Amino acid sequence: AVVSTQSTGSDKKTSPSTENIPNLCEDSPMSEGLLPNHDPVTAEDLFLLCDMFYLPYQHGSRAVQMLLELNWLINCNRKESDSDWSDKAEQFKLKCTAIDDLVTK
């Protein structure tokens, strides 16, 4: 038995032509998947983001901790504990830098 592999015109499905539609994304920074000069988002970045914005109207534990640290830095008598204040200010700055890096990713 011989089976014919030719299709008839009625079997052929037609799709709309895309020849005349311009590619609007070809010059987009996302056309290659990542923005140029940006690192990919890591799991730690996602944990930071989720922990900062835990629930609507409720901060995550990292955000609460940062607010407490900022309050301490603002209200601390700097002359009495200058070295302690500097250490905590540096740690706070590192946390702010991590958040800033996440925003630019």
Protein backbone atom coordinates (compact mmCIF):
# COMPACT_ATOMS: atom_id res chain seq x y z
CA ALA A 1 0.00 0.00 0.00
CA VAL A 2 1.28 3.42 -0.98
CA VAL A 3 0.40 6.45 1.15
CA SER A 4 0.36 9.86 -0.48
CA THR A 5 2.12 12.63 1.50
CA GLN A 6 0.84 15.47 -0.64
CA SER A 7 -1.63 17.78 1.04
CA THR A 8 -4.53 19.33 -0.66
CA GLY A 9 -5.24 23.04 -0.54
CA SER A 10 -8.15 22.53 1.85
CA ASP A 11 -5.90 20.85 4.47
CA LYS A 12 -3.56 23.83 4.71
CA LYS A 13 -4.16 26.22 7.62
CA THR A 14 -3.43 29.85 7.00
CA SER A 15 -1.89 32.23 9.48
CA PRO A 16 -1.75 36.00 9.30
CA SER A 17 1.29 37.39 7.57
CA THR A 18 3.83 39.08 9.82
CA GLU A 19 6.05 40.34 7.01
CA ASN A 20 4.87 43.96 7.26
CA ILE A 21 4.83 44.22 11.06
CA PRO A 22 7.90 46.09 12.32
CA ASN A 23 9.92 44.55 15.13
CA LEU A 24 9.44 47.15 17.87
CA CYS A 25 11.67 45.31 20.31
CA GLU A 26 14.82 44.89 18.24
CA ASP A 27 16.43 48.02 19.72
CA SER A 28 15.04 47.43 23.21
CA PRO A 29 17.52 46.88 26.04
CA MET A 30 15.55 43.78 26.95
CA SER A 31 15.95 42.22 23.49
CA GLU A 32 18.99 40.27 24.73
CA GLY A 33 17.39 39.32 28.04
CA LEU A 34 19.29 41.62 30.39
CA LEU A 35 19.87 45.30 30.53
CA PRO A 36 23.41 46.18 29.48
CA ASN A 37 26.01 46.50 32.25
CA HIS A 38 23.71 45.05 34.93
CA ASP A 39 24.27 41.96 37.01
CA PRO A 40 21.55 39.33 37.17
CA VAL A 41 19.23 39.26 40.17
CA THR A 42 20.40 36.70 42.72
CA ALA A 43 18.46 34.67 45.24
CA GLU A 44 19.81 36.93 48.02
CA ASP A 45 18.43 39.94 46.10
CA LEU A 46 15.00 38.33 46.00
CA PHE A 47 15.16 37.51 49.73
CA LEU A 48 16.07 41.12 50.43
CA LEU A 49 13.21 42.44 48.30
CA CYS A 50 10.65 40.10 49.86
CA ASP A 51 11.88 40.77 53.38
CA MET A 52 11.78 44.54 52.90
CA PHE A 53 8.20 44.53 51.59
CA TYR A 54 6.72 41.65 53.56
CA LEU A 55 2.99 42.43 53.45
CA PRO A 56 0.89 45.46 52.57
CA TYR A 57 1.11 47.89 55.48
CA GLN A 58 3.67 45.69 57.24
CA HIS A 59 7.45 45.86 56.87
CA GLY A 60 9.57 42.75 56.75
CA SER A 61 12.11 41.96 59.46
CA ARG A 62 15.03 43.54 57.57
CA ALA A 63 13.11 46.76 57.02
CA VAL A 64 12.12 46.91 60.70
CA GLN A 65 15.73 46.30 61.71
CA MET A 66 16.96 49.05 59.38
CA LEU A 67 14.39 51.50 60.74
CA LEU A 68 15.49 50.71 64.31
CA GLU A 69 19.14 51.16 63.34
CA LEU A 70 18.40 54.46 61.61
CA ASN A 71 16.51 55.67 64.67
CA TRP A 72 19.46 54.74 66.87
CA LEU A 73 21.92 56.49 64.54
CA ILE A 74 19.83 59.67 64.54
CA ASN A 75 19.13 59.77 68.28
CA CYS A 76 22.43 58.44 69.64
CA ASN A 77 24.70 60.83 71.51
CA ARG A 78 27.59 60.54 69.08
CA LYS A 79 30.22 61.99 71.42
CA GLU A 80 29.68 59.27 74.03
CA SER A 81 29.92 56.33 71.62
CA ASP A 82 31.78 57.60 68.56
CA SER A 83 33.39 54.29 67.57
CA ASP A 84 30.15 52.34 68.07
CA TRP A 85 28.23 54.92 66.06
CA SER A 86 30.76 54.77 63.21
CA ASP A 87 30.59 50.98 63.09
CA LYS A 88 26.80 50.96 63.01
CA ALA A 89 26.72 53.77 60.43
CA GLU A 90 29.06 51.77 58.17
CA GLN A 91 26.86 48.66 58.50
CA PHE A 92 23.77 50.73 57.74
CA LYS A 93 25.49 52.20 54.67
CA LEU A 94 26.31 48.69 53.39
CA LYS A 95 22.66 47.68 53.74
CA CYS A 96 21.56 50.81 51.86
CA THR A 97 24.09 50.03 49.12
CA ALA A 98 22.65 46.51 48.77
CA ILE A 99 19.16 47.98 48.32
CA ASP A 100 20.45 50.54 45.81
CA ASP A 101 22.18 47.77 43.86
CA LEU A 102 18.94 45.82 43.76
CA VAL A 103 17.10 48.83 42.35
CA THR A 104 19.59 49.16 39.50
CA LYS A 105 19.42 45.47 38.53
